Amino acid sequence: MKRVVVTGANGFIGRYLCAHLARSGWSVRAVVRPGTCGPELRNYAIVQTIADISSETEWSRVLLAADAVVHLAARVHVMQKSTPQAYANYMRDNTAATAALARAAVRHGVANFVFLSTIKVQGELTSAAPFSEGDAPAPLDPYASSKLSAEHGLSEICAGTPMAVTTLRPPLVYGPGVKGNFLRLMKLVCRRLPLPFASVENSRSLLYVGNLVSAIEKCLATPNGSTKTFLLSDGHDLSTPQLIAMIAAALGVRPHLIRFPVPMLLALGKITGKGAEVSRMVESLSIDCSHIKRQLQWNPPFTVEHGLEDTARWFLDTQK
């Protein structure tokens, strides 16, 4: 039985991944902060606590005899946090800490290191063509910059070593337990509130958490001693009106979409300080995930419909 270390194991993606890998026959070591482990995690993982993941973390007891690492732990993106101190915090937690873990993994003979980055390293929106691995990175905030710096650090650290490093750049990930803007949108749709997006004609790539963990497992199963980067999505892009309609169908309600000029929506977003959120609702961010399909023979096992229905069931259960 192969042993995999998962950092950020008690997060939205981490809990799902640990359960999936355990069902697939992996011995899972779940790394969490003290006092944050839910009882369900102990049912399928060996839980190991680390007070703070940083450049000073001692990884020896966690990495002993480990075959693989999946690094999910990170300082996540927070709106309106672009101060110099915020940038320093992102670089400390997302860049320096990742590099320290990778160096320790090399010393302990880890064969495979999977790093969860973000599509934001390539930019915030697309126009003529979807993002692909060949596009030049264009991070626009400290979070994305710190993730890109972590990617560069990993490439340097693993060069000339037997450790394979795979970087995944996902778009917005949804599924049971999702938070943030996706959860807020589900609440608005469920309450049948009028949403001014009927005139929007964009294209957004999303990623169901079940498809993400499937891709991670595929990366773990195919180490090749080199550095690779993959973009991934559900493979079925949606406009904002289509997404709202599908969420409504999964929740068993009728969507309430009204027409409103897109330029006015963007202007109102800037006036109210919600420009980034409005932009994500009306602009496009499309991903070409053909590279991972060709290289790893991976295809999303779940459809968008399945992912949204699974998320809706969880959401409705939380409302009872």
C-alpha atoms as a PDB file:
ATOM      1  CA  MET A   1       0.000   0.000   0.000  1.00  0.00           C
ATOM      2  CA  LYS A   2       1.463   3.348  -1.035  1.00  0.00           C
ATOM      3  CA  ARG A   3       1.590   6.220   1.423  1.00  0.00           C
ATOM      4  CA  VAL A   4       0.512   9.750   0.516  1.00  0.00           C
ATOM      5  CA  VAL A   5       0.806  12.905   2.632  1.00  0.00           C
ATOM      6  CA  VAL A   6      -2.001  15.432   2.133  1.00  0.00           C
ATOM      7  CA  THR A   7      -1.550  18.942   3.528  1.00  0.00           C
ATOM      8  CA  GLY A   8      -4.637  21.069   4.108  1.00  0.00           C
ATOM      9  CA  ALA A   9      -6.478  17.813   4.666  1.00  0.00           C
ATOM     10  CA  ASN A  10      -9.322  19.342   6.675  1.00  0.00           C
ATOM     11  CA  GLY A  11     -10.246  21.850   3.974  1.00  0.00           C
ATOM     12  CA  PHE A  12     -13.034  21.630   1.416  1.00  0.00           C
ATOM     13  CA  ILE A  13     -10.884  19.830  -1.168  1.00  0.00           C
ATOM     14  CA  GLY A  14      -8.691  18.017   1.346  1.00  0.00           C
ATOM     15  CA  ARG A  15     -11.511  16.140   3.071  1.00  0.00           C
ATOM     16  CA  TYR A  16     -12.880  14.969  -0.257  1.00  0.00           C
ATOM     17  CA  LEU A  17      -9.419  13.959  -1.522  1.00  0.00           C
ATOM     18  CA  CYS A  18      -8.443  12.009   1.595  1.00  0.00           C
ATOM     19  CA  ALA A  19     -11.639   9.967   1.480  1.00  0.00           C
ATOM     20  CA  HIS A  20     -11.231   9.311  -2.251  1.00  0.00           C
ATOM     21  CA  LEU A  21      -7.607   8.195  -1.990  1.00  0.00           C
ATOM     22  CA  ALA A  22      -8.362   5.949   0.981  1.00  0.00           C
ATOM     23  CA  ARG A  23     -11.129   4.257  -1.018  1.00  0.00           C
ATOM     24  CA  SER A  24      -8.637   3.796  -3.871  1.00  0.00           C
ATOM     25  CA  GLY A  25      -6.205   1.914  -1.649  1.00  0.00           C
ATOM     26  CA  TRP A  26      -3.788   4.624  -0.527  1.00  0.00           C
ATOM     27  CA  SER A  27      -2.567   4.934   3.046  1.00  0.00           C
ATOM     28  CA  VAL A  28      -3.376   8.585   3.735  1.00  0.00           C
ATOM     29  CA  ARG A  29      -1.503  10.811   6.173  1.00  0.00           C
ATOM     30  CA  ALA A  30      -3.674  13.869   6.714  1.00  0.00           C
ATOM     31  CA  VAL A  31      -1.800  16.979   7.874  1.00  0.00           C
ATOM     32  CA  VAL A  32      -3.941  19.413   9.873  1.00  0.00           C
ATOM     33  CA  ARG A  33      -3.501  22.141  12.448  1.00  0.00           C
ATOM     34  CA  PRO A  34      -4.039  21.114  16.094  1.00  0.00           C
ATOM     35  CA  GLY A  35      -7.692  21.128  17.105  1.00  0.00           C
ATOM     36  CA  THR A  36      -9.054  21.367  13.558  1.00  0.00           C
ATOM     37  CA  CYS A  37      -9.565  17.710  12.667  1.00  0.00           C
ATOM     38  CA  GLY A  38     -13.152  16.528  12.311  1.00  0.00           C
ATOM     39  CA  PRO A  39     -13.970  13.008  13.516  1.00  0.00           C
ATOM     40  CA  GLU A  40     -14.778  11.753  10.001  1.00  0.00           C
ATOM     41  CA  LEU A  41     -11.197  12.351   8.820  1.00  0.00           C
ATOM     42  CA  ARG A  42      -9.878   9.831  11.339  1.00  0.00           C
ATOM     43  CA  ASN A  43     -12.072   7.147   9.768  1.00  0.00           C
ATOM     44  CA  TYR A  44      -9.903   6.929   6.658  1.00  0.00           C
ATOM     45  CA  ALA A  45      -6.624   8.719   7.400  1.00  0.00           C
ATOM     46  CA  ILE A  46      -3.742   8.818   9.836  1.00  0.00           C
ATOM     47  CA  VAL A  47      -3.992  12.364  11.190  1.00  0.00           C
ATOM     48  CA  GLN A  48      -0.785  14.224  11.931  1.00  0.00           C
ATOM     49  CA  THR A  49      -0.815  17.738  13.338  1.00  0.00           C
ATOM     50  CA  ILE A  50       1.502  20.619  12.499  1.00  0.00           C
ATOM     51  CA  ALA A  51       0.960  23.928  14.248  1.00  0.00           C
ATOM     52  CA  ASP A  52       2.116  26.083  11.359  1.00  0.00           C
ATOM     53  CA  ILE A  53       3.243  25.224   7.848  1.00  0.00           C
ATOM     54  CA  SER A  54       6.140  27.557   7.133  1.00  0.00           C
ATOM     55  CA  SER A  55       9.726  27.601   5.892  1.00  0.00           C
ATOM     56  CA  GLU A  56      10.745  26.407   9.391  1.00  0.00           C
ATOM     57  CA  THR A  57       8.409  23.395   9.615  1.00  0.00           C
ATOM     58  CA  GLU A  58      10.051  20.107  10.564  1.00  0.00           C
ATOM     59  CA  TRP A  59       8.618  17.513   8.158  1.00  0.00           C
ATOM     60  CA  SER A  60      10.627  14.403   9.054  1.00  0.00           C
ATOM     61  CA  ARG A  61       7.979  12.531  11.047  1.00  0.00           C
ATOM     62  CA  VAL A  62       5.300  13.261   8.429  1.00  0.00           C
ATOM     63  CA  LEU A  63       7.369  12.335   5.372  1.00  0.00           C
ATOM     64  CA  LEU A  64       9.011   9.204   6.771  1.00  0.00           C
ATOM     65  CA  ALA A  65       8.616   6.438   4.134  1.00  0.00           C
ATOM     66  CA  ALA A  66       6.090   8.529   2.194  1.00  0.00           C
ATOM     67  CA  ASP A  67       5.698   7.799  -1.513  1.00  0.00           C
ATOM     68  CA  ALA A  68       3.849  10.964  -2.509  1.00  0.00           C
ATOM     69  CA  VAL A  69       2.778  14.414  -1.321  1.00  0.00           C
ATOM     70  CA  VAL A  70      -0.283  16.413  -2.318  1.00  0.00           C
ATOM     71  CA  HIS A  71       0.177  19.999  -1.178  1.00  0.00           C
ATOM     72  CA  LEU A  72      -3.192  21.717  -0.788  1.00  0.00           C
ATOM     73  CA  ALA A  73      -2.512  23.945   2.224  1.00  0.00           C
ATOM     74  CA  ALA A  74      -2.281  27.629   1.324  1.00  0.00           C
ATOM     75  CA  ARG A  75      -3.157  31.162   2.268  1.00  0.00           C
ATOM     76  CA  VAL A  76      -6.199  31.532   0.061  1.00  0.00           C
ATOM     77  CA  HIS A  77      -7.280  34.488  -2.039  1.00  0.00           C
ATOM     78  CA  VAL A  78      -9.076  37.226  -0.109  1.00  0.00           C
ATOM     79  CA  MET A  79     -10.650  40.251  -1.792  1.00  0.00           C
ATOM     80  CA  GLN A  80      -9.210  43.687  -1.069  1.00  0.00           C
ATOM     81  CA  LYS A  81      -5.963  42.288   0.357  1.00  0.00           C
ATOM     82  CA  SER A  82      -3.234  43.761  -1.841  1.00  0.00           C
ATOM     83  CA  THR A  83      -1.193  45.664   0.742  1.00  0.00           C
ATOM     84  CA  PRO A  84       2.585  45.157   1.056  1.00  0.00           C
ATOM     85  CA  GLN A  85       2.037  43.145   4.236  1.00  0.00           C
ATOM     86  CA  ALA A  86      -0.534  40.963   2.518  1.00  0.00           C
ATOM     87  CA  TYR A  87       1.944  40.273  -0.273  1.00  0.00           C
ATOM     88  CA  ALA A  88       4.622  39.307   2.258  1.00  0.00           C
ATOM     89  CA  ASN A  89       2.179  36.950   3.993  1.00  0.00           C
ATOM     90  CA  TYR A  90       1.240  35.236   0.727  1.00  0.00           C
ATOM     91  CA  MET A  91       4.893  34.803  -0.229  1.00  0.00           C
ATOM     92  CA  ARG A  92       5.699  33.374   3.204  1.00  0.00           C
ATOM     93  CA  ASP A  93       2.800  30.918   3.330  1.00  0.00           C
ATOM     94  CA  ASN A  94       2.422  29.957  -0.332  1.00  0.00           C
ATOM     95  CA  THR A  95       5.951  30.261  -1.712  1.00  0.00           C
ATOM     96  CA  ALA A  96       8.518  29.795   1.049  1.00  0.00           C
ATOM     97  CA  ALA A  97       6.502  27.106   2.856  1.00  0.00           C
ATOM     98  CA  THR A  98       5.974  25.150  -0.371  1.00  0.00           C
ATOM     99  CA  ALA A  99       9.684  25.274  -1.154  1.00  0.00           C
ATOM    100  CA  ALA A 100      10.588  24.018   2.322  1.00  0.00           C
ATOM    101  CA  LEU A 101       8.169  21.100   2.008  1.00  0.00           C
ATOM    102  CA  ALA A 102       9.515  20.212  -1.441  1.00  0.00           C
ATOM    103  CA  ARG A 103      13.137  20.229  -0.231  1.00  0.00           C
ATOM    104  CA  ALA A 104      12.169  17.959   2.672  1.00  0.00           C
ATOM    105  CA  ALA A 105      10.311  15.655   0.264  1.00  0.00           C
ATOM    106  CA  VAL A 106      13.427  15.334  -1.906  1.00  0.00           C
ATOM    107  CA  ARG A 107      15.555  14.487   1.152  1.00  0.00           C
ATOM    108  CA  HIS A 108      13.097  11.766   2.191  1.00  0.00           C
ATOM    109  CA  GLY A 109      12.955  10.178  -1.243  1.00  0.00           C
ATOM    110  CA  VAL A 110       9.374  11.113  -2.087  1.00  0.00           C
ATOM    111  CA  ALA A 111       8.681  10.005  -5.664  1.00  0.00           C
ATOM    112  CA  ASN A 112       5.740  12.233  -6.561  1.00  0.00           C
ATOM    113  CA  PHE A 113       4.771  15.766  -5.499  1.00  0.00           C
ATOM    114  CA  VAL A 114       1.443  17.250  -6.626  1.00  0.00           C
ATOM    115  CA  PHE A 115       0.951  20.983  -6.096  1.00  0.00           C
ATOM    116  CA  LEU A 116      -2.434  22.680  -6.293  1.00  0.00           C
ATOM    117  CA  SER A 117      -1.927  26.098  -7.859  1.00  0.00           C
ATOM    118  CA  THR A 118      -4.630  28.245  -9.505  1.00  0.00           C
ATOM    119  CA  ILE A 119      -5.693  29.364 -12.973  1.00  0.00           C
ATOM    120  CA  LYS A 120      -5.301  32.899 -11.639  1.00  0.00           C
ATOM    121  CA  VAL A 121      -1.556  32.681 -12.335  1.00  0.00           C
ATOM    122  CA  GLN A 122      -2.518  33.020 -16.006  1.00  0.00           C
ATOM    123  CA  GLY A 123      -4.904  35.930 -15.526  1.00  0.00           C
ATOM    124  CA  GLU A 124      -8.449  36.789 -14.601  1.00  0.00           C
ATOM    125  CA  LEU A 125     -10.281  36.537 -17.928  1.00  0.00           C
ATOM    126  CA  THR A 126     -10.077  35.253 -21.495  1.00  0.00           C
ATOM    127  CA  SER A 127     -11.303  36.748 -24.744  1.00  0.00           C
ATOM    128  CA  ALA A 128     -10.417  35.240 -28.128  1.00  0.00           C
ATOM    129  CA  ALA A 129      -9.146  31.863 -26.916  1.00  0.00           C
ATOM    130  CA  PRO A 130      -9.223  29.786 -23.725  1.00  0.00           C
ATOM    131  CA  PHE A 131      -6.196  29.589 -21.456  1.00  0.00           C
ATOM    132  CA  SER A 132      -3.708  26.818 -22.213  1.00  0.00           C
ATOM    133  CA  GLU A 133      -0.417  25.711 -20.687  1.00  0.00           C
ATOM    134  CA  GLY A 134       1.516  27.584 -23.387  1.00  0.00           C
ATOM    135  CA  ASP A 135       0.194  31.005 -22.402  1.00  0.00           C
ATOM    136  CA  ALA A 136       2.499  33.380 -20.561  1.00  0.00           C
ATOM    137  CA  PRO A 137       1.553  33.753 -16.878  1.00  0.00           C
ATOM    138  CA  ALA A 138      -0.081  37.061 -15.929  1.00  0.00           C
ATOM    139  CA  PRO A 139      -0.935  37.061 -12.197  1.00  0.00           C
ATOM    140  CA  LEU A 140      -2.790  40.168 -11.077  1.00  0.00           C
ATOM    141  CA  ASP A 141      -2.786  39.910  -7.283  1.00  0.00           C
ATOM    142  CA  PRO A 142      -0.523  38.753  -4.419  1.00  0.00           C
ATOM    143  CA  TYR A 143      -2.259  35.384  -4.133  1.00  0.00           C
ATOM    144  CA  ALA A 144      -1.691  34.462  -7.776  1.00  0.00           C
ATOM    145  CA  SER A 145       1.849  35.863  -7.737  1.00  0.00           C
ATOM    146  CA  SER A 146       2.753  33.773  -4.694  1.00  0.00           C
ATOM    147  CA  LYS A 147       1.392  30.631  -6.358  1.00  0.00           C
ATOM    148  CA  LEU A 148       3.409  31.289  -9.512  1.00  0.00           C
ATOM    149  CA  SER A 149       6.537  31.875  -7.428  1.00  0.00           C
ATOM    150  CA  ALA A 150       5.876  28.564  -5.686  1.00  0.00           C
ATOM    151  CA  GLU A 151       5.651  26.837  -9.083  1.00  0.00           C
ATOM    152  CA  HIS A 152       9.022  28.286 -10.099  1.00  0.00           C
ATOM    153  CA  GLY A 153      10.554  27.216  -6.804  1.00  0.00           C
ATOM    154  CA  LEU A 154       9.313  23.661  -7.236  1.00  0.00           C
ATOM    155  CA  SER A 155      10.844  23.440 -10.698  1.00  0.00           C
ATOM    156  CA  GLU A 156      14.227  24.536  -9.364  1.00  0.00           C
ATOM    157  CA  ILE A 157      14.132  22.237  -6.342  1.00  0.00           C
ATOM    158  CA  CYS A 158      13.208  19.062  -8.213  1.00  0.00           C
ATOM    159  CA  ALA A 159      15.588  19.666 -11.140  1.00  0.00           C
ATOM    160  CA  GLY A 160      18.132  16.853 -11.241  1.00  0.00           C
ATOM    161  CA  THR A 161      16.281  14.782  -8.632  1.00  0.00           C
ATOM    162  CA  PRO A 162      14.107  11.671  -9.069  1.00  0.00           C
ATOM    163  CA  MET A 163      11.046  13.469  -7.649  1.00  0.00           C
ATOM    164  CA  ALA A 164       8.253  14.152 -10.146  1.00  0.00           C
ATOM    165  CA  VAL A 165       6.393  17.430  -9.637  1.00  0.00           C
ATOM    166  CA  THR A 166       2.954  18.034 -11.115  1.00  0.00           C
ATOM    167  CA  THR A 167       1.287  21.429 -10.849  1.00  0.00           C
ATOM    168  CA  LEU A 168      -2.458  21.703 -11.347  1.00  0.00           C
ATOM    169  CA  ARG A 169      -4.089  25.049 -12.174  1.00  0.00           C
ATOM    170  CA  PRO A 170      -7.837  24.722 -11.524  1.00  0.00           C
ATOM    171  CA  PRO A 171     -10.562  27.333 -11.938  1.00  0.00           C
ATOM    172  CA  LEU A 172     -13.278  27.774  -9.307  1.00  0.00           C
ATOM    173  CA  VAL A 173     -13.847  24.419  -7.586  1.00  0.00           C
ATOM    174  CA  TYR A 174     -17.372  23.570  -6.416  1.00  0.00           C
ATOM    175  CA  GLY A 175     -19.060  20.672  -4.692  1.00  0.00           C
ATOM    176  CA  PRO A 176     -20.475  19.749  -1.268  1.00  0.00           C
ATOM    177  CA  GLY A 177     -18.931  22.066   1.314  1.00  0.00           C
ATOM    178  CA  VAL A 178     -18.161  24.875  -1.137  1.00  0.00           C
ATOM    179  CA  LYS A 179     -17.949  28.380   0.288  1.00  0.00           C
ATOM    180  CA  GLY A 180     -17.406  31.888  -1.040  1.00  0.00           C
ATOM    181  CA  ASN A 181     -19.080  33.317  -4.125  1.00  0.00           C
ATOM    182  CA  PHE A 182     -20.468  29.992  -5.330  1.00  0.00           C
ATOM    183  CA  LEU A 183     -22.293  29.404  -2.055  1.00  0.00           C
ATOM    184  CA  ARG A 184     -23.618  32.975  -2.073  1.00  0.00           C
ATOM    185  CA  LEU A 185     -24.953  32.466  -5.591  1.00  0.00           C
ATOM    186  CA  MET A 186     -26.718  29.265  -4.552  1.00  0.00           C
ATOM    187  CA  LYS A 187     -28.380  31.096  -1.676  1.00  0.00           C
ATOM    188  CA  LEU A 188     -29.606  33.862  -3.991  1.00  0.00           C
ATOM    189  CA  VAL A 189     -30.984  31.374  -6.504  1.00  0.00           C
ATOM    190  CA  CYS A 190     -32.659  29.344  -3.756  1.00  0.00           C
ATOM    191  CA  ARG A 191     -34.389  32.476  -2.433  1.00  0.00           C
ATOM    192  CA  ARG A 192     -35.698  33.178  -5.971  1.00  0.00           C
ATOM    193  CA  LEU A 193     -34.260  36.686  -5.902  1.00  0.00           C
ATOM    194  CA  PRO A 194     -34.084  38.555  -9.231  1.00  0.00           C
ATOM    195  CA  LEU A 195     -30.590  38.332 -10.704  1.00  0.00           C
ATOM    196  CA  PRO A 196     -29.579  40.885 -13.384  1.00  0.00           C
ATOM    197  CA  PHE A 197     -27.575  38.536 -15.595  1.00  0.00           C
ATOM    198  CA  ALA A 198     -29.970  37.544 -18.381  1.00  0.00           C
ATOM    199  CA  SER A 199     -28.027  39.670 -20.909  1.00  0.00           C
ATOM    200  CA  VAL A 200     -24.638  38.175 -20.072  1.00  0.00           C
ATOM    201  CA  GLU A 201     -23.047  36.121 -22.860  1.00  0.00           C
ATOM    202  CA  ASN A 202     -19.828  34.862 -21.304  1.00  0.00           C
ATOM    203  CA  SER A 203     -18.099  31.500 -20.966  1.00  0.00           C
ATOM    204  CA  ARG A 204     -16.783  30.230 -17.630  1.00  0.00           C
ATOM    205  CA  SER A 205     -14.881  27.033 -16.845  1.00  0.00           C
ATOM    206  CA  LEU A 206     -15.626  25.377 -13.502  1.00  0.00           C
ATOM    207  CA  LEU A 207     -14.340  22.245 -11.793  1.00  0.00           C
ATOM    208  CA  TYR A 208     -16.375  19.815  -9.699  1.00  0.00           C
ATOM    209  CA  VAL A 209     -14.373  18.581  -6.704  1.00  0.00           C
ATOM    210  CA  GLY A 210     -14.978  14.972  -7.767  1.00  0.00           C
ATOM    211  CA  ASN A 211     -13.252  15.672 -11.079  1.00  0.00           C
ATOM    212  CA  LEU A 212     -10.383  17.434  -9.309  1.00  0.00           C
ATOM    213  CA  VAL A 213      -9.611  14.535  -6.985  1.00  0.00           C
ATOM    214  CA  SER A 214      -9.840  12.147  -9.936  1.00  0.00           C
ATOM    215  CA  ALA A 215      -7.167  14.197 -11.724  1.00  0.00           C
ATOM    216  CA  ILE A 216      -4.974  14.282  -8.602  1.00  0.00           C
ATOM    217  CA  GLU A 217      -5.206  10.497  -8.279  1.00  0.00           C
ATOM    218  CA  LYS A 218      -4.246  10.161 -11.949  1.00  0.00           C
ATOM    219  CA  CYS A 219      -1.184  12.347 -11.357  1.00  0.00           C
ATOM    220  CA  LEU A 220      -0.185  10.194  -8.376  1.00  0.00           C
ATOM    221  CA  ALA A 221      -0.502   7.041 -10.454  1.00  0.00           C
ATOM    222  CA  THR A 222       1.757   8.281 -13.263  1.00  0.00           C
ATOM    223  CA  PRO A 223       5.014   9.726 -11.835  1.00  0.00           C
ATOM    224  CA  ASN A 224       7.536  10.371 -14.559  1.00  0.00           C
ATOM    225  CA  GLY A 225      10.464  12.112 -12.886  1.00  0.00           C
ATOM    226  CA  SER A 226       9.839  15.476 -14.519  1.00  0.00           C
ATOM    227  CA  THR A 227       7.997  18.740 -13.951  1.00  0.00           C
ATOM    228  CA  LYS A 228       4.606  19.106 -15.597  1.00  0.00           C
ATOM    229  CA  THR A 229       1.815  21.667 -15.424  1.00  0.00           C
ATOM    230  CA  PHE A 230      -1.789  20.947 -16.292  1.00  0.00           C
ATOM    231  CA  LEU A 231      -4.917  23.062 -16.621  1.00  0.00           C
ATOM    232  CA  LEU A 232      -8.147  21.245 -15.885  1.00  0.00           C
ATOM    233  CA  SER A 233     -11.888  21.823 -15.773  1.00  0.00           C
ATOM    234  CA  ASP A 234     -15.177  19.969 -16.127  1.00  0.00           C
ATOM    235  CA  GLY A 235     -14.756  20.296 -19.888  1.00  0.00           C
ATOM    236  CA  HIS A 236     -18.129  21.981 -20.303  1.00  0.00           C
ATOM    237  CA  ASP A 237     -18.088  25.770 -20.087  1.00  0.00           C
ATOM    238  CA  LEU A 238     -21.194  27.678 -19.034  1.00  0.00           C
ATOM    239  CA  SER A 239     -22.448  31.219 -19.340  1.00  0.00           C
ATOM    240  CA  THR A 240     -23.616  32.847 -16.116  1.00  0.00           C
ATOM    241  CA  PRO A 241     -27.316  32.542 -17.126  1.00  0.00           C
ATOM    242  CA  GLN A 242     -26.780  28.856 -17.949  1.00  0.00           C
ATOM    243  CA  LEU A 243     -25.084  28.262 -14.608  1.00  0.00           C
ATOM    244  CA  ILE A 244     -27.891  29.976 -12.722  1.00  0.00           C
ATOM    245  CA  ALA A 245     -30.507  27.994 -14.627  1.00  0.00           C
ATOM    246  CA  MET A 246     -28.728  24.709 -13.868  1.00  0.00           C
ATOM    247  CA  ILE A 247     -28.330  25.568 -10.194  1.00  0.00           C
ATOM    248  CA  ALA A 248     -32.018  26.429 -10.025  1.00  0.00           C
ATOM    249  CA  ALA A 249     -32.977  23.134 -11.671  1.00  0.00           C
ATOM    250  CA  ALA A 250     -30.821  21.203  -9.220  1.00  0.00           C
ATOM    251  CA  LEU A 251     -32.433  23.074  -6.309  1.00  0.00           C
ATOM    252  CA  GLY A 252     -35.933  22.528  -7.683  1.00  0.00           C
ATOM    253  CA  VAL A 253     -36.759  26.229  -8.136  1.00  0.00           C
ATOM    254  CA  ARG A 254     -37.360  28.504 -11.110  1.00  0.00           C
ATOM    255  CA  PRO A 255     -34.557  30.950 -11.917  1.00  0.00           C
ATOM    256  CA  HIS A 256     -35.425  34.639 -11.785  1.00  0.00           C
ATOM    257  CA  LEU A 257     -33.156  36.272 -14.371  1.00  0.00           C
ATOM    258  CA  ILE A 258     -33.753  39.804 -15.573  1.00  0.00           C
ATOM    259  CA  ARG A 259     -32.079  41.804 -18.329  1.00  0.00           C
ATOM    260  CA  PHE A 260     -29.644  44.557 -17.406  1.00  0.00           C
ATOM    261  CA  PRO A 261     -26.960  46.159 -19.589  1.00  0.00           C
ATOM    262  CA  VAL A 262     -23.597  44.538 -18.935  1.00  0.00           C
ATOM    263  CA  PRO A 263     -21.622  47.848 -19.052  1.00  0.00           C
ATOM    264  CA  MET A 264     -23.919  49.221 -16.348  1.00  0.00           C
ATOM    265  CA  LEU A 265     -23.357  46.116 -14.226  1.00  0.00           C
ATOM    266  CA  LEU A 266     -19.594  46.614 -14.479  1.00  0.00           C
ATOM    267  CA  ALA A 267     -19.917  50.323 -13.660  1.00  0.00           C
ATOM    268  CA  LEU A 268     -22.102  49.612 -10.635  1.00  0.00           C
ATOM    269  CA  GLY A 269     -19.603  47.012  -9.471  1.00  0.00           C
ATOM    270  CA  LYS A 270     -16.789  49.570  -9.485  1.00  0.00           C
ATOM    271  CA  ILE A 271     -18.926  52.179  -7.709  1.00  0.00           C
ATOM    272  CA  THR A 272     -19.904  49.754  -4.950  1.00  0.00           C
ATOM    273  CA  GLY A 273     -16.426  48.266  -4.538  1.00  0.00           C
ATOM    274  CA  LYS A 274     -17.590  44.930  -5.970  1.00  0.00           C
ATOM    275  CA  GLY A 275     -15.880  45.253  -9.324  1.00  0.00           C
ATOM    276  CA  ALA A 276     -13.990  41.959  -9.107  1.00  0.00           C
ATOM    277  CA  GLU A 277     -17.068  39.961  -8.133  1.00  0.00           C
ATOM    278  CA  VAL A 278     -19.204  41.501 -10.879  1.00  0.00           C
ATOM    279  CA  SER A 279     -16.443  40.950 -13.430  1.00  0.00           C
ATOM    280  CA  ARG A 280     -16.391  37.250 -12.605  1.00  0.00           C
ATOM    281  CA  MET A 281     -20.122  37.071 -13.258  1.00  0.00           C
ATOM    282  CA  VAL A 282     -20.061  38.815 -16.648  1.00  0.00           C
ATOM    283  CA  GLU A 283     -16.599  38.210 -18.147  1.00  0.00           C
ATOM    284  CA  SER A 284     -15.220  34.976 -19.582  1.00  0.00           C
ATOM    285  CA  LEU A 285     -12.605  32.650 -18.145  1.00  0.00           C
ATOM    286  CA  SER A 286     -12.306  29.570 -20.316  1.00  0.00           C
ATOM    287  CA  ILE A 287      -9.782  26.741 -20.002  1.00  0.00           C
ATOM    288  CA  ASP A 288      -8.457  24.301 -22.579  1.00  0.00           C
ATOM    289  CA  CYS A 289      -7.843  21.059 -20.667  1.00  0.00           C
ATOM    290  CA  SER A 290      -6.878  18.950 -23.685  1.00  0.00           C
ATOM    291  CA  HIS A 291      -3.235  18.669 -22.563  1.00  0.00           C
ATOM    292  CA  ILE A 292      -3.944  16.624 -19.430  1.00  0.00           C
ATOM    293  CA  LYS A 293      -6.348  14.475 -21.432  1.00  0.00           C
ATOM    294  CA  ARG A 294      -3.632  13.650 -23.971  1.00  0.00           C
ATOM    295  CA  GLN A 295      -0.721  13.293 -21.569  1.00  0.00           C
ATOM    296  CA  LEU A 296      -2.391  11.346 -18.764  1.00  0.00           C
ATOM    297  CA  GLN A 297      -5.378   9.866 -20.604  1.00  0.00           C
ATOM    298  CA  TRP A 298      -7.583  11.604 -18.047  1.00  0.00           C
ATOM    299  CA  ASN A 299     -11.169  12.636 -18.663  1.00  0.00           C
ATOM    300  CA  PRO A 300     -13.553  14.191 -16.125  1.00  0.00           C
ATOM    301  CA  PRO A 301     -15.547  11.235 -14.743  1.00  0.00           C
ATOM    302  CA  PHE A 302     -18.479  13.474 -13.711  1.00  0.00           C
ATOM    303  CA  THR A 303     -20.629  15.801 -15.771  1.00  0.00           C
ATOM    304  CA  VAL A 304     -21.452  19.364 -14.789  1.00  0.00           C
ATOM    305  CA  GLU A 305     -25.038  18.249 -14.176  1.00  0.00           C
ATOM    306  CA  HIS A 306     -23.879  15.600 -11.707  1.00  0.00           C
ATOM    307  CA  GLY A 307     -21.600  18.050  -9.925  1.00  0.00           C
ATOM    308  CA  LEU A 308     -24.289  20.692  -9.534  1.00  0.00           C
ATOM    309  CA  GLU A 309     -26.888  18.152  -8.399  1.00  0.00           C
ATOM    310  CA  ASP A 310     -24.462  16.771  -5.802  1.00  0.00           C
ATOM    311  CA  THR A 311     -23.738  20.286  -4.559  1.00  0.00           C
ATOM    312  CA  ALA A 312     -27.444  21.144  -4.472  1.00  0.00           C
ATOM    313  CA  ARG A 313     -28.259  18.053  -2.378  1.00  0.00           C
ATOM    314  CA  TRP A 314     -25.650  19.070   0.153  1.00  0.00           C
ATOM    315  CA  PHE A 315     -26.898  22.665   0.174  1.00  0.00           C
ATOM    316  CA  LEU A 316     -30.531  21.645   0.709  1.00  0.00           C
ATOM    317  CA  ASP A 317     -29.506  19.324   3.543  1.00  0.00           C
ATOM    318  CA  THR A 318     -27.806  22.258   5.280  1.00  0.00           C
ATOM    319  CA  GLN A 319     -31.022  24.279   5.080  1.00  0.00           C
ATOM    320  CA  LYS A 320     -33.104  21.728   7.004  1.00  0.00           C
END
